[in-house]
Amino acid sequence: MIIKFLGTSATLPLPRKNCFCPICCSKDKRDKRMRSSILVNKILIDCGPDILKQIEKYRIKPEKIKAIFITHHHLDHIAGLKKFSQLIKKQIPLYASKNAWEYFQKHFKKLNFAKYITKSNKKIKIGNLIFQAIEIIHPGIKPVFAFKILSKNKTLIYMPDWKIIPKKSVKKMIKTDILILGGSSLKRNLPWHSPIVEGIEFAKKIKAKKIYFTHIGHLTLPYKKLLEFVRKSGGKKFNIAFDGLKIKL
């Protein structure tokens, strides 16, 4: 399993215009972030407004993408679908909740994808990967999925937006090999997102073997200081993802 981070920012890209905070003034390339999305082998998870820039930057051939999975239908995770669909000549599977599909049909009109409705806990096999949608809580929209991806007894959990994780969902995440979870703020408890400090405690609770924070927001720290913070708080298994990062499992 090869995981490529195409984008790692929260709702807005970083740096932001007319902002002079330490993150936006950073000269570290790892602090330049597009909206969150990952590519697992040739399967895309989320398709935000920066998808065309991501395709160009990482030299991705749209026709090589085997499928797209959507965690939820907030615009920073779906706004690139129409543009992406215009690039492909043949339909590829698009997996999203029933509510998300209703939103697509109302706001996007024509999409050149094969329609598949994602249901909680249902397993979907694509090539040598098995995808399982795990329902979590991200207030203001339903449903919201984390995706558990299995390959050769190895597991990856991708959960960019989260606030509360039901007990029955927590059980499905125990001892995952790689946990990728959102870090919109460092300590501040936002109405829609849990902070990184809570993410560290959650990762410890489920005994995740390796952790990467993504969906990095403005209320955090520049990359180097943020990496230092999570490792001091949680240990060397904690990491900060950045655009273009590639990891193998």
Protein backbone atom coordinates (compact mmCIF):
# COMPACT_ATOMS: atom_id res chain seq x y z
CA MET A 1 0.00 0.00 0.00
CA ILE A 2 1.47 3.33 -1.09
CA ILE A 3 -0.08 6.47 0.41
CA LYS A 4 0.54 9.87 -1.21
CA PHE A 5 -0.64 13.05 0.51
CA LEU A 6 -1.91 15.38 -2.22
CA GLY A 7 -3.04 18.03 0.25
CA THR A 8 -2.91 18.45 4.02
CA SER A 9 -4.57 21.77 4.87
CA ALA A 10 -7.93 22.34 6.54
CA THR A 11 -10.81 24.33 4.99
CA LEU A 12 -8.53 26.95 3.41
CA PRO A 13 -5.07 26.47 1.87
CA LEU A 14 -1.93 27.67 3.62
CA PRO A 15 -0.45 30.25 3.51
CA ARG A 16 -3.48 32.54 3.57
CA LYS A 17 -3.58 35.90 1.84
CA ASN A 18 -2.78 38.98 3.92
CA CYS A 19 -1.83 36.91 6.95
CA PHE A 20 1.46 37.37 8.79
CA CYS A 21 1.25 34.55 11.31
CA PRO A 22 4.26 32.20 11.78
CA ILE A 23 2.71 29.56 9.52
CA CYS A 24 1.91 31.92 6.65
CA CYS A 25 5.34 33.57 6.92
CA SER A 26 7.18 30.26 7.02
CA LYS A 27 9.71 29.58 4.26
CA ASP A 28 9.50 25.83 4.88
CA LYS A 29 7.91 24.16 1.84
CA ARG A 30 6.13 21.77 4.20
CA ASP A 31 4.02 24.70 5.44
CA LYS A 32 2.56 25.25 1.95
CA ARG A 33 -0.63 23.21 2.05
CA MET A 34 -3.51 22.50 -0.33
CA ARG A 35 -6.87 21.06 0.76
CA SER A 36 -6.73 17.55 2.22
CA SER A 37 -6.76 14.53 -0.06
CA ILE A 38 -4.78 11.31 -0.35
CA LEU A 39 -4.04 8.78 -3.07
CA VAL A 40 -3.84 5.15 -1.92
CA ASN A 41 -2.27 3.16 -4.73
CA LYS A 42 -4.47 4.50 -7.56
CA ILE A 43 -7.55 5.28 -5.47
CA LEU A 44 -8.37 8.87 -4.52
CA ILE A 45 -9.95 9.78 -1.19
CA ASP A 46 -11.71 13.16 -1.38
CA CYS A 47 -11.57 15.54 -4.30
CA GLY A 48 -11.35 19.12 -3.09
CA PRO A 49 -11.08 22.48 -4.87
CA ASP A 50 -7.32 22.09 -5.40
CA ILE A 51 -7.56 18.84 -7.38
CA LEU A 52 -6.37 20.32 -10.69
CA LYS A 53 -3.30 21.84 -9.04
CA GLN A 54 -2.62 18.53 -7.28
CA ILE A 55 -2.92 16.55 -10.51
CA GLU A 56 -0.51 18.88 -12.26
CA LYS A 57 1.98 19.13 -9.39
CA TYR A 58 2.23 15.39 -8.82
CA ARG A 59 1.87 14.40 -12.48
CA ILE A 60 -1.18 12.26 -11.88
CA LYS A 61 -2.96 10.90 -14.95
CA PRO A 62 -6.72 11.15 -14.22
CA GLU A 63 -7.48 8.14 -16.44
CA LYS A 64 -5.27 5.99 -14.19
CA ILE A 65 -7.43 6.64 -11.11
CA LYS A 66 -9.44 3.48 -10.36
CA ALA A 67 -12.02 4.97 -7.98
CA ILE A 68 -12.82 7.92 -5.71
CA PHE A 69 -14.08 7.69 -2.14
CA ILE A 70 -15.68 10.68 -0.38
CA THR A 71 -15.50 11.08 3.41
CA HIS A 72 -18.33 13.67 3.49
CA HIS A 73 -19.82 16.39 1.34
CA HIS A 74 -18.27 19.56 2.73
CA LEU A 75 -16.92 21.64 -0.15
CA ASP A 76 -13.26 21.38 0.85
CA HIS A 77 -13.61 17.62 0.21
CA ILE A 78 -15.79 17.58 -2.93
CA ALA A 79 -15.54 20.89 -4.82
CA GLY A 80 -13.14 19.42 -7.40
CA LEU A 81 -15.42 16.58 -8.53
CA LYS A 82 -16.94 18.41 -11.49
CA LYS A 83 -13.56 19.53 -12.83
CA PHE A 84 -12.12 16.06 -12.32
CA SER A 85 -15.05 14.40 -14.11
CA GLN A 86 -14.43 16.60 -17.14
CA LEU A 87 -10.90 15.21 -17.43
CA ILE A 88 -11.85 11.53 -17.66
CA LYS A 89 -13.16 9.88 -20.83
CA LYS A 90 -14.70 6.85 -19.17
CA GLN A 91 -16.69 6.60 -15.97
CA ILE A 92 -14.90 5.49 -12.83
CA PRO A 93 -16.61 4.49 -9.56
CA LEU A 94 -17.43 7.30 -7.15
CA TYR A 95 -18.27 6.05 -3.65
CA ALA A 96 -20.22 8.47 -1.46
CA SER A 97 -23.11 8.42 1.00
CA LYS A 98 -26.73 8.67 -0.16
CA ASN A 99 -26.90 12.21 1.27
CA ALA A 100 -23.74 13.17 -0.59
CA TRP A 101 -25.14 11.87 -3.88
CA GLU A 102 -28.30 13.90 -3.36
CA TYR A 103 -26.11 16.97 -2.89
CA PHE A 104 -24.11 16.17 -6.06
CA GLN A 105 -27.24 15.77 -8.16
CA LYS A 106 -28.63 19.07 -6.90
CA HIS A 107 -25.50 21.22 -7.16
CA PHE A 108 -23.17 19.55 -9.67
CA LYS A 109 -25.75 18.37 -12.23
CA LYS A 110 -23.70 16.21 -14.58
CA LEU A 111 -20.86 14.14 -13.19
CA ASN A 112 -19.05 11.60 -15.30
CA PHE A 113 -18.82 8.92 -12.60
CA ALA A 114 -20.38 5.54 -11.96
CA LYS A 115 -22.64 5.96 -8.93
CA TYR A 116 -21.97 3.83 -5.84
CA ILE A 117 -23.54 4.53 -2.46
CA THR A 118 -21.27 4.04 0.53
CA LYS A 119 -22.88 2.43 3.56
CA SER A 120 -21.48 2.25 7.07
CA ASN A 121 -19.38 -0.88 7.72
CA LYS A 122 -19.87 -2.30 4.22
CA LYS A 123 -16.62 -3.63 2.76
CA ILE A 124 -15.63 -2.79 -0.80
CA LYS A 125 -12.81 -4.63 -2.57
CA ILE A 126 -10.80 -2.85 -5.25
CA GLY A 127 -7.77 -4.75 -6.46
CA ASN A 128 -5.83 -5.92 -3.42
CA LEU A 129 -7.37 -3.30 -1.13
CA ILE A 130 -10.50 -3.57 1.01
CA PHE A 131 -12.25 -0.33 2.00
CA GLN A 132 -14.59 -0.12 4.96
CA ALA A 133 -16.54 3.05 5.83
CA ILE A 134 -16.68 3.73 9.58
CA GLU A 135 -19.21 6.34 10.66
CA ILE A 136 -17.94 9.15 12.89
CA ILE A 137 -19.32 12.50 14.05
CA HIS A 138 -18.34 15.82 12.46
CA PRO A 139 -21.18 18.21 13.52
CA GLY A 140 -23.22 19.95 10.87
CA ILE A 141 -23.32 17.17 8.31
CA LYS A 142 -24.28 13.48 8.12
CA PRO A 143 -23.01 10.94 7.51
CA VAL A 144 -19.26 11.39 7.84
CA PHE A 145 -16.94 8.47 7.23
CA ALA A 146 -13.47 7.48 8.27
CA PHE A 147 -12.09 4.88 5.88
CA LYS A 148 -10.39 1.72 7.08
CA ILE A 149 -8.24 0.26 4.34
CA LEU A 150 -6.89 -3.27 4.57
CA SER A 151 -4.13 -4.95 2.59
CA LYS A 152 -2.27 -8.15 3.52
CA ASN A 153 -3.19 -7.93 7.22
CA LYS A 154 -2.10 -4.29 7.39
CA THR A 155 -4.59 -1.52 8.17
CA LEU A 156 -4.78 2.19 7.47
CA ILE A 157 -7.37 4.54 8.97
CA TYR A 158 -8.00 7.86 7.19
CA MET A 159 -10.05 10.35 9.22
CA PRO A 160 -9.38 13.99 8.21
CA ASP A 161 -12.49 15.53 9.86
CA TRP A 162 -13.68 14.34 13.25
CA LYS A 163 -15.15 15.53 16.52
CA ILE A 164 -16.61 12.47 18.26
CA ILE A 165 -16.01 8.80 17.56
CA PRO A 166 -18.77 6.42 18.70
CA LYS A 167 -17.66 3.44 20.80
CA LYS A 168 -18.67 0.94 18.13
CA SER A 169 -16.46 2.79 15.64
CA VAL A 170 -13.52 3.00 18.06
CA LYS A 171 -13.49 -0.81 18.27
CA LYS A 172 -12.86 -1.04 14.52
CA MET A 173 -9.76 1.14 14.82
CA ILE A 174 -7.87 -0.68 17.57
CA LYS A 175 -4.18 -1.31 16.86
CA THR A 176 -4.30 0.08 13.32
CA ASP A 177 -0.89 0.16 11.63
CA ILE A 178 -1.26 3.73 10.38
CA LEU A 179 -3.72 6.32 11.67
CA ILE A 180 -4.16 9.51 9.64
CA LEU A 181 -6.35 12.02 11.45
CA GLY A 182 -7.30 15.66 11.36
CA GLY A 183 -5.45 18.39 13.23
CA SER A 184 -7.35 21.61 12.56
CA SER A 185 -6.19 23.21 15.81
CA LEU A 186 -3.51 22.54 18.38
CA LYS A 187 -5.37 22.86 21.69
CA ARG A 188 -8.48 24.90 20.95
CA ASN A 189 -11.68 22.84 20.98
CA LEU A 190 -13.60 23.93 17.90
CA PRO A 191 -17.33 23.16 17.42
CA TRP A 192 -16.63 20.90 14.42
CA HIS A 193 -13.14 19.53 15.07
CA SER A 194 -11.15 17.98 17.89
CA PRO A 195 -7.69 19.48 18.49
CA ILE A 196 -4.37 17.75 18.03
CA VAL A 197 -3.94 17.24 21.78
CA GLU A 198 -7.12 15.12 21.78
CA GLY A 199 -5.94 13.31 18.67
CA ILE A 200 -2.77 12.31 20.50
CA GLU A 201 -4.79 10.85 23.36
CA PHE A 202 -7.13 9.03 20.97
CA ALA A 203 -4.20 7.50 19.10
CA LYS A 204 -2.76 6.27 22.38
CA LYS A 205 -6.14 4.86 23.40
CA ILE A 206 -6.49 2.73 20.26
CA LYS A 207 -2.77 1.79 20.34
CA ALA A 208 -2.14 2.99 16.79
CA LYS A 209 1.34 1.98 15.67
CA LYS A 210 2.11 5.08 13.60
CA ILE A 211 0.22 8.37 13.43
CA TYR A 212 0.12 11.22 10.91
CA PHE A 213 -1.79 14.45 11.42
CA THR A 214 -3.35 16.02 8.32
CA HIS A 215 -6.06 18.65 7.69
CA ILE A 216 -3.70 21.08 9.44
CA GLY A 217 -5.39 24.35 10.30
CA HIS A 218 -4.36 27.89 11.04
CA LEU A 219 -4.55 27.43 14.81
CA THR A 220 -1.52 25.15 15.02
CA LEU A 221 2.23 25.70 14.53
CA PRO A 222 4.73 25.73 11.64
CA TYR A 223 5.79 22.24 10.57
CA LYS A 224 9.03 21.89 12.56
CA LYS A 225 7.56 23.17 15.82
CA LEU A 226 4.40 21.11 15.34
CA LEU A 227 6.40 17.93 14.78
CA GLU A 228 8.42 18.69 17.91
CA PHE A 229 5.20 19.24 19.88
CA VAL A 230 3.48 15.97 18.89
CA ARG A 231 6.61 13.89 19.48
CA LYS A 232 7.22 15.47 22.87
CA SER A 233 3.57 14.80 23.80
CA GLY A 234 3.20 11.36 22.24
CA GLY A 235 6.51 9.91 21.14
CA LYS A 236 8.40 9.20 17.91
CA LYS A 237 5.48 7.35 16.32
CA PHE A 238 3.67 10.70 15.88
CA ASN A 239 4.21 12.62 12.65
CA ILE A 240 2.95 15.64 10.75
CA ALA A 241 1.94 15.01 7.13
CA PHE A 242 2.78 17.52 4.42
CA ASP A 243 1.87 17.91 0.77
CA GLY A 244 3.72 15.41 -1.38
CA LEU A 245 4.65 13.07 1.47
CA LYS A 246 4.70 9.42 0.39
CA ILE A 247 4.57 6.54 2.86
CA LYS A 248 4.42 2.78 2.41
CA LEU A 249 2.60 0.14 4.39
